[in-house]
PDB file of N, CA and C in Angstrom:
ATOM      1  N   MET A   1     136.138  85.162 140.883  1.00  0.00           N
ATOM      2  CA  MET A   1     135.737  85.799 142.442  1.00  0.00           C
ATOM      3  C   MET A   1     134.965  84.497 143.126  1.00  0.00           C
ATOM      4  N   PRO A   2     135.045  83.582 143.908  1.00  0.00           N
ATOM      5  CA  PRO A   2     134.870  82.664 144.367  1.00  0.00           C
ATOM      6  C   PRO A   2     133.632  82.820 145.404  1.00  0.00           C
ATOM      7  N   SER A   3     133.055  82.184 144.688  1.00  0.00           N
ATOM      8  CA  SER A   3     131.302  81.771 145.521  1.00  0.00           C
ATOM      9  C   SER A   3     130.993  81.692 147.525  1.00  0.00           C
ATOM     10  N   ARG A   4     130.927  82.251 147.890  1.00  0.00           N
ATOM     11  CA  ARG A   4     130.781  82.000 149.402  1.00  0.00           C
ATOM     12  C   ARG A   4     130.156  80.276 150.081  1.00  0.00           C
ATOM     13  N   ARG A   5     130.434  79.839 150.967  1.00  0.00           N
ATOM     14  CA  ARG A   5     130.205  78.861 151.060  1.00  0.00           C
ATOM     15  C   ARG A   5     129.841  78.762 152.219  1.00  0.00           C
ATOM     16  N   PRO A   6     128.015  78.203 152.689  1.00  0.00           N
ATOM     17  CA  PRO A   6     127.612  78.470 153.733  1.00  0.00           C
ATOM     18  C   PRO A   6     128.278  77.236 154.754  1.00  0.00           C
ATOM     19  N   ARG A   7     127.726  77.944 155.975  1.00  0.00           N
ATOM     20  CA  ARG A   7     128.711  77.182 156.716  1.00  0.00           C
ATOM     21  C   ARG A   7     127.874  76.024 157.234  1.00  0.00           C
ATOM     22  N   ASN A   8     125.908  75.758 157.037  1.00  0.00           N
ATOM     23  CA  ASN A   8     125.718  74.847 157.656  1.00  0.00           C
ATOM     24  C   ASN A   8     126.056  73.706 156.207  1.00  0.00           C
ATOM     25  N   ALA A   9     125.220  72.852 156.477  1.00  0.00           N
ATOM     26  CA  ALA A   9     125.940  71.211 155.453  1.00  0.00           C
ATOM     27  C   ALA A   9     124.720  71.497 154.835  1.00  0.00           C
ATOM     28  N   GLU A  10     123.541  71.301 155.422  1.00  0.00           N
ATOM     29  CA  GLU A  10     122.083  72.175 154.482  1.00  0.00           C
ATOM     30  C   GLU A  10     122.286  72.483 153.977  1.00  0.00           C
ATOM     31  N   LEU A  11     122.692  73.910 153.700  1.00  0.00           N
ATOM     32  CA  LEU A  11     122.727  74.618 152.936  1.00  0.00           C
ATOM     33  C   LEU A  11     123.457  74.636 151.630  1.00  0.00           C
ATOM     34  N   ALA A  12     124.824  74.479 151.845  1.00  0.00           N
ATOM     35  CA  ALA A  12     125.198  74.187 151.267  1.00  0.00           C
ATOM     36  C   ALA A  12     124.836  72.583 150.348  1.00  0.00           C
ATOM     37  N   GLN A  13     124.196  71.947 150.593  1.00  0.00           N
ATOM     38  CA  GLN A  13     123.966  70.920 150.029  1.00  0.00           C
ATOM     39  C   GLN A  13     122.898  71.333 148.985  1.00  0.00           C
ATOM     40  N   ALA A  14     121.871  72.809 149.488  1.00  0.00           N
ATOM     41  CA  ALA A  14     120.167  72.714 148.923  1.00  0.00           C
ATOM     42  C   ALA A  14     121.300  74.054 147.661  1.00  0.00           C
ATOM     43  N   VAL A  15     122.309  74.659 148.562  1.00  0.00           N
ATOM     44  CA  VAL A  15     123.454  75.217 147.379  1.00  0.00           C
ATOM     45  C   VAL A  15     123.417  74.842 146.550  1.00  0.00           C
ATOM     46  N   ASP A  16     124.479  73.640 146.319  1.00  0.00           N
ATOM     47  CA  ASP A  16     125.024  72.024 145.426  1.00  0.00           C
ATOM     48  C   ASP A  16     123.783  71.650 144.286  1.00  0.00           C
ATOM     49  N   ASN A  17     122.210  71.513 144.731  1.00  0.00           N
ATOM     50  CA  ASN A  17     120.988  70.730 144.293  1.00  0.00           C
ATOM     51  C   ASN A  17     121.026  72.803 143.164  1.00  0.00           C
ATOM     52  N   LEU A  18     120.734  73.178 144.218  1.00  0.00           N
ATOM     53  CA  LEU A  18     120.251  75.077 143.216  1.00  0.00           C
ATOM     54  C   LEU A  18     121.476  74.477 142.050  1.00  0.00           C
ATOM     55  N   SER A  19     122.569  74.788 142.174  1.00  0.00           N
ATOM     56  CA  SER A  19     123.158  74.980 140.827  1.00  0.00           C
ATOM     57  C   SER A  19     123.538  73.347 140.098  1.00  0.00           C
ATOM     58  N   GLN A  20     122.772  72.047 140.212  1.00  0.00           N
ATOM     59  CA  GLN A  20     122.323  71.838 139.684  1.00  0.00           C
ATOM     60  C   GLN A  20     121.858  71.328 139.155  1.00  0.00           C
ATOM     61  N   ALA A  21     120.501  71.969 139.049  1.00  0.00           N
ATOM     62  CA  ALA A  21     119.108  71.887 138.448  1.00  0.00           C
ATOM     63  C   ALA A  21     119.384  73.635 137.745  1.00  0.00           C
ATOM     64  N   ALA A  22     119.700  74.327 138.106  1.00  0.00           N
ATOM     65  CA  ALA A  22     119.852  75.127 136.971  1.00  0.00           C
ATOM     66  C   ALA A  22     121.036  74.644 135.494  1.00  0.00           C
ATOM     67  N   ARG A  23     121.662  74.078 136.188  1.00  0.00           N
ATOM     68  CA  ARG A  23     122.675  73.240 134.530  1.00  0.00           C
ATOM     69  C   ARG A  23     121.060  72.554 133.979  1.00  0.00           C
ATOM     70  N   HIS A  24     120.868  71.592 134.315  1.00  0.00           N
ATOM     71  CA  HIS A  24     119.267  71.095 133.769  1.00  0.00           C
ATOM     72  C   HIS A  24     118.539  71.404 132.800  1.00  0.00           C
ATOM     73  N   VAL A  25     118.118  72.886 133.370  1.00  0.00           N
ATOM     74  CA  VAL A  25     116.948  73.575 133.590  1.00  0.00           C
ATOM     75  C   VAL A  25     117.925  74.517 131.878  1.00  0.00           C
ATOM     76  N   ARG A  26     118.970  74.914 132.513  1.00  0.00           N
ATOM     77  CA  ARG A  26     119.580  75.606 131.236  1.00  0.00           C
ATOM     78  C   ARG A  26     119.818  74.288 129.697  1.00  0.00           C
ATOM     79  N   ASN A  27     120.873  73.587 130.588  1.00  0.00           N
ATOM     80  CA  ASN A  27     120.659  72.592 129.142  1.00  0.00           C
ATOM     81  C   ASN A  27     119.426  71.849 128.495  1.00  0.00           C
ATOM     82  N   ALA A  28     118.020  72.085 129.236  1.00  0.00           N
ATOM     83  CA  ALA A  28     117.348  71.966 128.210  1.00  0.00           C
ATOM     84  C   ALA A  28     116.489  72.431 127.853  1.00  0.00           C
ATOM     85  N   MET A  29     116.206  73.735 127.810  1.00  0.00           N
ATOM     86  CA  MET A  29     116.171  74.758 127.608  1.00  0.00           C
ATOM     87  C   MET A  29     117.298  74.950 126.221  1.00  0.00           C
ATOM     88  N   GLN A  30     118.099  75.335 126.812  1.00  0.00           N
ATOM     89  CA  GLN A  30     119.060  74.787 125.488  1.00  0.00           C
ATOM     90  C   GLN A  30     118.859  74.000 124.184  1.00  0.00           C
ATOM     91  N   GLY A  31     118.264  72.581 124.185  1.00  0.00           N
ATOM     92  CA  GLY A  31     117.986  72.085 123.748  1.00  0.00           C
ATOM     93  C   GLY A  31     116.576  72.098 122.869  1.00  0.00           C
ATOM     94  N   LYS A  32     115.700  72.781 123.419  1.00  0.00           N
ATOM     95  CA  LYS A  32     113.883  73.381 123.096  1.00  0.00           C
ATOM     96  C   LYS A  32     114.651  74.954 122.159  1.00  0.00           C
ATOM     97  N   VAL A  33     115.318  74.998 123.119  1.00  0.00           N
ATOM     98  CA  VAL A  33     116.323  76.261 121.928  1.00  0.00           C
ATOM     99  C   VAL A  33     116.676  76.293 120.952  1.00  0.00           C
ATOM    100  N   GLY A  34     117.615  74.922 120.520  1.00  0.00           N
ATOM    101  CA  GLY A  34     117.929  74.347 119.543  1.00  0.00           C
ATOM    102  C   GLY A  34     116.432  74.059 118.240  1.00  0.00           C
ATOM    103  N   GLU A  35     115.896  73.617 119.214  1.00  0.00           N
ATOM    104  CA  GLU A  35     114.533  72.473 118.373  1.00  0.00           C
ATOM    105  C   GLU A  35     113.921  73.971 118.172  1.00  0.00           C
ATOM    106  N   VAL A  36     113.301  74.884 118.623  1.00  0.00           N
ATOM    107  CA  VAL A  36     112.862  75.797 118.356  1.00  0.00           C
ATOM    108  C   VAL A  36     113.737  76.532 117.506  1.00  0.00           C
ATOM    109  N   ARG A  37     114.683  76.962 116.856  1.00  0.00           N
ATOM    110  CA  ARG A  37     115.752  77.336 116.088  1.00  0.00           C
ATOM    111  C   ARG A  37     115.884  77.025 114.360  1.00  0.00           C
ATOM    112  N   GLY A  38     115.548  74.624 114.706  1.00  0.00           N
ATOM    113  CA  GLY A  38     115.854  74.035 113.783  1.00  0.00           C
ATOM    114  C   GLY A  38     114.595  74.574 112.887  1.00  0.00           C
ATOM    115  N   ALA A  39     112.985  74.458 113.784  1.00  0.00           N
ATOM    116  CA  ALA A  39     112.204  74.166 113.413  1.00  0.00           C
ATOM    117  C   ALA A  39     111.697  75.630 112.501  1.00  0.00           C
ATOM    118  N   ALA A  40     112.498  76.972 113.362  1.00  0.00           N
ATOM    119  CA  ALA A  40     111.966  77.920 112.222  1.00  0.00           C
ATOM    120  C   ALA A  40     112.748  77.731 111.471  1.00  0.00           C
ATOM    121  N   ALA A  41     113.885  78.022 110.714  1.00  0.00           N
ATOM    122  CA  ALA A  41     114.674  77.751 110.451  1.00  0.00           C
ATOM    123  C   ALA A  41     113.930  76.813 108.952  1.00  0.00           C
ATOM    124  N   ALA A  42     113.335  75.672 109.209  1.00  0.00           N
ATOM    125  CA  ALA A  42     112.575  74.790 108.497  1.00  0.00           C
ATOM    126  C   ALA A  42     111.149  75.545 108.180  1.00  0.00           C
ATOM    127  N   GLU A  43     111.104  76.632 108.641  1.00  0.00           N
ATOM    128  CA  GLU A  43     109.396  77.361 108.172  1.00  0.00           C
ATOM    129  C   GLU A  43     110.103  77.612 107.490  1.00  0.00           C
ATOM    130  N   LEU A  44     111.380  78.521 107.300  1.00  0.00           N
ATOM    131  CA  LEU A  44     111.736  79.899 106.663  1.00  0.00           C
ATOM    132  C   LEU A  44     112.602  79.607 105.077  1.00  0.00           C
ATOM    133  N   ALA A  45     112.596  78.225 105.355  1.00  0.00           N
ATOM    134  CA  ALA A  45     113.669  77.481 103.793  1.00  0.00           C
ATOM    135  C   ALA A  45     112.221  77.550 103.107  1.00  0.00           C
ATOM    136  N   LYS A  46     110.926  76.840 103.926  1.00  0.00           N
ATOM    137  CA  LYS A  46     109.569  76.640 102.840  1.00  0.00           C
ATOM    138  C   LYS A  46     109.099  77.920 102.195  1.00  0.00           C
ATOM    139  N   ALA A  47     109.103  79.103 103.295  1.00  0.00           N
ATOM    140  CA  ALA A  47     108.076  80.850 102.454  1.00  0.00           C
ATOM    141  C   ALA A  47     109.164  81.008 101.864  1.00  0.00           C
ATOM    142  N   LYS A  48     111.044  80.307 101.940  1.00  0.00           N
ATOM    143  CA  LYS A  48     112.216  80.910 100.815  1.00  0.00           C
ATOM    144  C   LYS A  48     111.116  80.840  99.312  1.00  0.00           C
ATOM    145  N   ALA A  49     111.766  78.825  99.389  1.00  0.00           N
ATOM    146  CA  ALA A  49     111.179  78.235  98.333  1.00  0.00           C
ATOM    147  C   ALA A  49     109.383  78.225  97.705  1.00  0.00           C
ATOM    148  N   ALA A  50     108.322  78.850  98.719  1.00  0.00           N
ATOM    149  CA  ALA A  50     107.208  79.714  97.938  1.00  0.00           C
ATOM    150  C   ALA A  50     107.782  80.767  97.031  1.00  0.00           C
ATOM    151  N   ALA A  51     107.974  81.504  97.996  1.00  0.00           N
ATOM    152  CA  ALA A  51     108.883  83.255  97.039  1.00  0.00           C
ATOM    153  C   ALA A  51     109.547  82.677  96.208  1.00  0.00           C
ATOM    154  N   ARG A  52     109.705  81.773  95.977  1.00  0.00           N
ATOM    155  CA  ARG A  52     110.709  81.356  94.479  1.00  0.00           C
ATOM    156  C   ARG A  52     110.257  80.987  94.094  1.00  0.00           C
ATOM    157  N   ARG A  53     108.909  80.721  93.633  1.00  0.00           N
ATOM    158  CA  ARG A  53     107.624  79.806  92.980  1.00  0.00           C
ATOM    159  C   ARG A  53     107.136  81.075  92.933  1.00  0.00           C
ATOM    160  N   LYS A  54     106.701  81.177  93.139  1.00  0.00           N
ATOM    161  CA  LYS A  54     105.625  82.381  92.692  1.00  0.00           C
ATOM    162  C   LYS A  54     106.993  83.456  91.908  1.00  0.00           C
ATOM    163  N   THR A  55     108.018  83.718  92.610  1.00  0.00           N
ATOM    164  CA  THR A  55     109.059  84.811  91.773  1.00  0.00           C
ATOM    165  C   THR A  55     109.033  84.318  90.365  1.00  0.00           C
ATOM    166  N   ASP A  56     109.111  82.876  90.730  1.00  0.00           N
ATOM    167  CA  ASP A  56     110.358  82.621  89.296  1.00  0.00           C
ATOM    168  C   ASP A  56     108.373  82.564  88.014  1.00  0.00           C
ATOM    169  N   SER A  57     107.457  82.103  88.774  1.00  0.00           N
ATOM    170  CA  SER A  57     106.053  81.979  87.918  1.00  0.00           C
ATOM    171  C   SER A  57     105.220  83.303  87.821  1.00  0.00           C
ATOM    172  N   ALA A  58     105.695  85.196  88.501  1.00  0.00           N
ATOM    173  CA  ALA A  58     105.533  86.009  87.454  1.00  0.00           C
ATOM    174  C   ALA A  58     106.886  86.060  86.926  1.00  0.00           C
ATOM    175  N   HIS A  59     108.247  85.404  86.807  1.00  0.00           N
ATOM    176  CA  HIS A  59     109.244  86.064  86.180  1.00  0.00           C
ATOM    177  C   HIS A  59     108.453  85.018  84.736  1.00  0.00           C
ATOM    178  N   GLU A  60     108.477  83.828  84.668  1.00  0.00           N
ATOM    179  CA  GLU A  60     107.901  83.119  83.440  1.00  0.00           C
ATOM    180  C   GLU A  60     106.119  84.081  82.611  1.00  0.00           C
ATOM    181  N   LYS A  61     105.548  84.252  83.472  1.00  0.00           N
ATOM    182  CA  LYS A  61     104.458  84.505  82.990  1.00  0.00           C
ATOM    183  C   LYS A  61     104.779  85.888  82.125  1.00  0.00           C
ATOM    184  N   VAL A  62     105.507  87.321  82.570  1.00  0.00           N
ATOM    185  CA  VAL A  62     106.163  88.054  82.275  1.00  0.00           C
ATOM    186  C   VAL A  62     106.812  87.697  80.821  1.00  0.00           C
ATOM    187  N   GLU A  63     107.810  86.975  81.180  1.00  0.00           N
ATOM    188  CA  GLU A  63     108.263  86.396  79.613  1.00  0.00           C
ATOM    189  C   GLU A  63     107.502  85.709  78.441  1.00  0.00           C
ATOM    190  N   SER A  64     106.572  84.920  78.727  1.00  0.00           N
ATOM    191  CA  SER A  64     105.713  84.392  78.514  1.00  0.00           C
ATOM    192  C   SER A  64     104.474  85.944  77.333  1.00  0.00           C
ATOM    193  N   VAL A  65     103.513  87.119  78.136  1.00  0.00           N
ATOM    194  CA  VAL A  65     103.644  88.454  77.506  1.00  0.00           C
ATOM    195  C   VAL A  65     104.496  88.487  76.440  1.00  0.00           C
ATOM    196  N   LEU A  66     105.703  88.820  77.427  1.00  0.00           N
ATOM    197  CA  LEU A  66     106.466  89.578  75.609  1.00  0.00           C
ATOM    198  C   LEU A  66     107.703  88.652  75.176  1.00  0.00           C
ATOM    199  N   ASN A  67     106.320  87.460  74.844  1.00  0.00           N
ATOM    200  CA  ASN A  67     106.534  86.538  73.203  1.00  0.00           C
ATOM    201  C   ASN A  67     105.559  86.825  72.607  1.00  0.00           C
ATOM    202  N   ARG A  68     104.168  86.764  73.640  1.00  0.00           N
ATOM    203  CA  ARG A  68     103.107  87.013  72.850  1.00  0.00           C
ATOM    204  C   ARG A  68     103.585  88.612  72.056  1.00  0.00           C
ATOM    205  N   ALA A  69     103.618  89.063  72.655  1.00  0.00           N
ATOM    206  CA  ALA A  69     103.585  90.998  71.811  1.00  0.00           C
ATOM    207  C   ALA A  69     104.489  91.214  70.986  1.00  0.00           C
ATOM    208  N   GLU A  70     106.056  90.648  71.622  1.00  0.00           N
ATOM    209  CA  GLU A  70     107.246  89.991  69.658  1.00  0.00           C
ATOM    210  C   GLU A  70     106.519  89.127  68.840  1.00  0.00           C
ATOM    211  N   ALA A  71     105.739  88.414  69.380  1.00  0.00           N
ATOM    212  CA  ALA A  71     105.251  87.383  68.519  1.00  0.00           C
ATOM    213  C   ALA A  71     104.300  87.995  66.800  1.00  0.00           C
ATOM    214  N   ARG A  72     103.688  89.484  68.177  1.00  0.00           N
ATOM    215  CA  ARG A  72     102.198  90.120  67.630  1.00  0.00           C
ATOM    216  C   ARG A  72     103.040  90.589  66.461  1.00  0.00           C
ATOM    217  N   LEU A  73     103.871  91.316  67.338  1.00  0.00           N
ATOM    218  CA  LEU A  73     104.996  92.911  66.174  1.00  0.00           C
ATOM    219  C   LEU A  73     105.048  92.231  65.214  1.00  0.00           C
ATOM    220  N   HIS A  74     105.582  91.336  65.375  1.00  0.00           N
ATOM    221  CA  HIS A  74     106.160  90.540  63.935  1.00  0.00           C
ATOM    222  C   HIS A  74     105.170  90.886  63.203  1.00  0.00           C
ATOM    223  N   ARG A  75     104.395  89.726  63.307  1.00  0.00           N
ATOM    224  CA  ARG A  75     103.315  90.017  61.846  1.00  0.00           C
ATOM    225  C   ARG A  75     102.758  90.886  62.229  1.00  0.00           C
ATOM    226  N   LEU A  76     101.761  91.627  63.296  1.00  0.00           N
ATOM    227  CA  LEU A  76     102.160  93.423  62.823  1.00  0.00           C
ATOM    228  C   LEU A  76     102.843  93.751  61.423  1.00  0.00           C
ATOM    229  N   VAL A  77     104.263  94.094  61.156  1.00  0.00           N
ATOM    230  CA  VAL A  77     105.526  94.244  60.438  1.00  0.00           C
ATOM    231  C   VAL A  77     105.015  93.673  59.503  1.00  0.00           C
ATOM    232  N   ALA A  78     104.679  92.038  59.576  1.00  0.00           N
ATOM    233  CA  ALA A  78     104.441  91.744  58.076  1.00  0.00           C
ATOM    234  C   ALA A  78     103.551  92.075  57.175  1.00  0.00           C
ATOM    235  N   ARG A  79     102.553  91.999  58.072  1.00  0.00           N
ATOM    236  CA  ARG A  79     100.818  92.437  57.521  1.00  0.00           C
ATOM    237  C   ARG A  79     101.246  94.199  57.297  1.00  0.00           C
ATOM    238  N   ALA A  80     102.212  94.380  57.169  1.00  0.00           N
ATOM    239  CA  ALA A  80     102.550  96.896  57.286  1.00  0.00           C
ATOM    240  C   ALA A  80     102.731  96.274  56.010  1.00  0.00           C
ATOM    241  N   GLN A  81     103.488  95.208  55.373  1.00  0.00           N
ATOM    242  CA  GLN A  81     104.984  95.412  54.789  1.00  0.00           C
ATOM    243  C   GLN A  81     104.375  94.764  52.812  1.00  0.00           C
ATOM    244  N   ARG A  82     103.687  93.752  53.882  1.00  0.00           N
ATOM    245  CA  ARG A  82     102.451  93.441  52.862  1.00  0.00           C
ATOM    246  C   ARG A  82     101.715  94.699  51.751  1.00  0.00           C
ATOM    247  N   ALA A  83     101.247  95.225  52.701  1.00  0.00           N
ATOM    248  CA  ALA A  83      99.759  96.514  52.773  1.00  0.00           C
ATOM    249  C   ALA A  83     100.340  97.774  52.164  1.00  0.00           C
ATOM    250  N   LEU A  84     102.044  97.810  52.466  1.00  0.00           N
ATOM    251  CA  LEU A  84     103.116  98.949  51.911  1.00  0.00           C
ATOM    252  C   LEU A  84     102.446  98.361  49.888  1.00  0.00           C
ATOM    253  N   ASP A  85     103.723  97.108  49.927  1.00  0.00           N
ATOM    254  CA  ASP A  85     103.924  96.685  48.785  1.00  0.00           C
ATOM    255  C   ASP A  85     102.113  95.755  47.828  1.00  0.00           C
ATOM    256  N   ASP A  86     101.167  95.462  48.100  1.00  0.00           N
ATOM    257  CA  ASP A  86     100.435  95.617  47.604  1.00  0.00           C
ATOM    258  C   ASP A  86     100.109  97.134  47.068  1.00  0.00           C
ATOM    259  N   ALA A  87      99.898  97.920  47.592  1.00  0.00           N
ATOM    260  CA  ALA A  87      99.777  99.399  47.620  1.00  0.00           C
ATOM    261  C   ALA A  87     100.799 100.272  46.208  1.00  0.00           C
ATOM    262  N   VAL A  88     102.031  99.636  46.297  1.00  0.00           N
ATOM    263  CA  VAL A  88     102.743 100.197  45.349  1.00  0.00           C
ATOM    264  C   VAL A  88     102.271  98.802  44.404  1.00  0.00           C
ATOM    265  N   ARG A  89     102.014  98.131  44.337  1.00  0.00           N
ATOM    266  CA  ARG A  89     102.177  97.580  43.015  1.00  0.00           C
ATOM    267  C   ARG A  89     100.493  98.194  41.527  1.00  0.00           C
ATOM    268  N   LYS A  90      99.725  98.108  43.364  1.00  0.00           N
ATOM    269  CA  LYS A  90      98.139  98.737  42.513  1.00  0.00           C
ATOM    270  C   LYS A  90      98.768 100.097  42.550  1.00  0.00           C
ATOM    271  N   ALA A  91      99.450 101.166  42.833  1.00  0.00           N
ATOM    272  CA  ALA A  91      99.383 102.849  42.360  1.00  0.00           C
ATOM    273  C   ALA A  91     101.108 102.734  40.787  1.00  0.00           C
ATOM    274  N   GLU A  92     100.961 100.931  40.692  1.00  0.00           N
ATOM    275  CA  GLU A  92     102.259 100.772  39.874  1.00  0.00           C
ATOM    276  C   GLU A  92     101.379 100.209  38.144  1.00  0.00           C
ATOM    277  N   LYS A  93     100.656 100.164  38.928  1.00  0.00           N
ATOM    278  CA  LYS A  93      99.108  99.316  37.691  1.00  0.00           C
ATOM    279  C   LYS A  93      98.626 100.569  38.111  1.00  0.00           C
ATOM    280  N   ARG A  94      97.907 100.813  38.077  1.00  0.00           N
ATOM    281  CA  ARG A  94      97.438 101.924  37.612  1.00  0.00           C
ATOM    282  C   ARG A  94      97.809 103.803  36.691  1.00  0.00           C
ATOM    283  N   TYR A  95      98.673 103.944  37.109  1.00  0.00           N
ATOM    284  CA  TYR A  95     100.249 104.602  36.708  1.00  0.00           C
ATOM    285  C   TYR A  95     101.561 104.402  36.118  1.00  0.00           C
ATOM    286  N   PRO A  96     101.170 103.552  35.062  1.00  0.00           N
ATOM    287  CA  PRO A  96     102.635 102.673  34.761  1.00  0.00           C
ATOM    288  C   PRO A  96     103.446 103.831  34.147  1.00  0.00           C
ATOM    289  N   GLY A  97     103.119 105.362  33.737  1.00  0.00           N
ATOM    290  CA  GLY A  97     103.722 105.261  33.660  1.00  0.00           C
ATOM    291  C   GLY A  97     104.770 106.522  34.155  1.00  0.00           C
ATOM    292  N   SER A  98     103.822 107.188  35.397  1.00  0.00           N
ATOM    293  CA  SER A  98     105.233 106.873  36.844  1.00  0.00           C
ATOM    294  C   SER A  98     105.424 106.993  37.408  1.00  0.00           C
ATOM    295  N   VAL A  99     105.988 105.238  36.847  1.00  0.00           N
ATOM    296  CA  VAL A  99     106.477 104.337  37.441  1.00  0.00           C
ATOM    297  C   VAL A  99     108.124 104.207  36.554  1.00  0.00           C
ATOM    298  N   PRO A 100     109.791 104.351  37.990  1.00  0.00           N
ATOM    299  CA  PRO A 100     110.516 104.374  36.780  1.00  0.00           C
ATOM    300  C   PRO A 100     110.443 103.031  36.745  1.00  0.00           C
ATOM    301  N   ALA A 101     111.551 102.795  35.027  1.00  0.00           N
ATOM    302  CA  ALA A 101     111.884 101.904  33.807  1.00  0.00           C
ATOM    303  C   ALA A 101     112.641 101.304  35.176  1.00  0.00           C
ATOM    304  N   LYS A 102     112.103  99.946  34.635  1.00  0.00           N
ATOM    305  CA  LYS A 102     113.581  98.587  35.154  1.00  0.00           C
ATOM    306  C   LYS A 102     114.349  98.974  35.046  1.00  0.00           C
ATOM    307  N   LYS A 103     115.490  98.699  35.691  1.00  0.00           N
ATOM    308  CA  LYS A 103     117.194  97.945  36.162  1.00  0.00           C
ATOM    309  C   LYS A 103     117.723  97.676  34.385  1.00  0.00           C
ATOM    310  N   SER A 104     117.117  97.029  34.286  1.00  0.00           N
ATOM    311  CA  SER A 104     118.183  96.331  33.031  1.00  0.00           C
ATOM    312  C   SER A 104     117.699  97.678  31.894  1.00  0.00           C
ATOM    313  N   ALA A 105     116.692  97.695  31.296  1.00  0.00           N
ATOM    314  CA  ALA A 105     115.671  99.126  30.753  1.00  0.00           C
ATOM    315  C   ALA A 105     116.617  99.886  30.742  1.00  0.00           C
ATOM    316  N   ALA A 106     117.208 100.544  32.617  1.00  0.00           N
ATOM    317  CA  ALA A 106     118.306 101.734  32.465  1.00  0.00           C
ATOM    318  C   ALA A 106     118.989 101.312  32.006  1.00  0.00           C
ATOM    319  N   LYS A 107     119.379 100.008  31.776  1.00  0.00           N
ATOM    320  CA  LYS A 107     121.289 100.019  31.970  1.00  0.00           C
ATOM    321  C   LYS A 107     120.938 100.192  30.661  1.00  0.00           C
ATOM    322  N   LYS A 108     119.899  99.590  29.643  1.00  0.00           N
ATOM    323  CA  LYS A 108     119.639  99.472  28.685  1.00  0.00           C
ATOM    324  C   LYS A 108     120.634 100.900  27.595  1.00  0.00           C
ATOM    325  N   ALA A 109     119.467 101.980  28.786  1.00  0.00           N
ATOM    326  CA  ALA A 109     119.241 103.903  27.844  1.00  0.00           C
ATOM    327  C   ALA A 109     121.132 104.249  28.565  1.00  0.00           C
ATOM    328  N   ALA A 110     121.270 104.010  29.586  1.00  0.00           N
ATOM    329  CA  ALA A 110     122.309 105.128  29.837  1.00  0.00           C
ATOM    330  C   ALA A 110     124.328 104.181  28.724  1.00  0.00           C
ATOM    331  N   ALA A 111     123.091 103.007  28.021  1.00  0.00           N
ATOM    332  CA  ALA A 111     124.672 102.111  27.584  1.00  0.00           C
ATOM    333  C   ALA A 111     124.437 102.551  25.885  1.00  0.00           C
ATOM    334  N   SER A 112     123.243 103.716  25.653  1.00  0.00           N
ATOM    335  CA  SER A 112     122.777 104.368  24.468  1.00  0.00           C
ATOM    336  C   SER A 112     123.242 104.728  23.834  1.00  0.00           C
ATOM    337  N   GLU A 113     122.516 106.092  25.528  1.00  0.00           N
ATOM    338  CA  GLU A 113     124.070 107.850  25.593  1.00  0.00           C
ATOM    339  C   GLU A 113     125.375 107.170  25.830  1.00  0.00           C
ATOM    340  N   GLU A 114     126.057 106.695  26.169  1.00  0.00           N
ATOM    341  CA  GLU A 114     127.090 107.123  25.738  1.00  0.00           C
ATOM    342  C   GLU A 114     127.748 106.677  24.434  1.00  0.00           C
TER     343      GLU A 114
END
């Protein structure tokens, strides 16, 4: 729909001036909006990077704790195995008759029975 043109030349000139001013304001505002958008995107990227660093740091801390716990578990299992071996060795020394014969002696006994 075409806009109405005023019959007065001064009013027509004023309308044109207002139209041009509106276009200039729109262009200026678009530029400012673009700048604000760029600044916001940069700040958001910084925030994401900081969050990623914190997440990576937390992940590394968790991995470190898990690795230490795993190493400790391995040491404790090895210590328990050694303690069990020592206890069995002491029991064998204390009660030599209750210990089953060695394999070679058991093989010789089985061979002599046949």
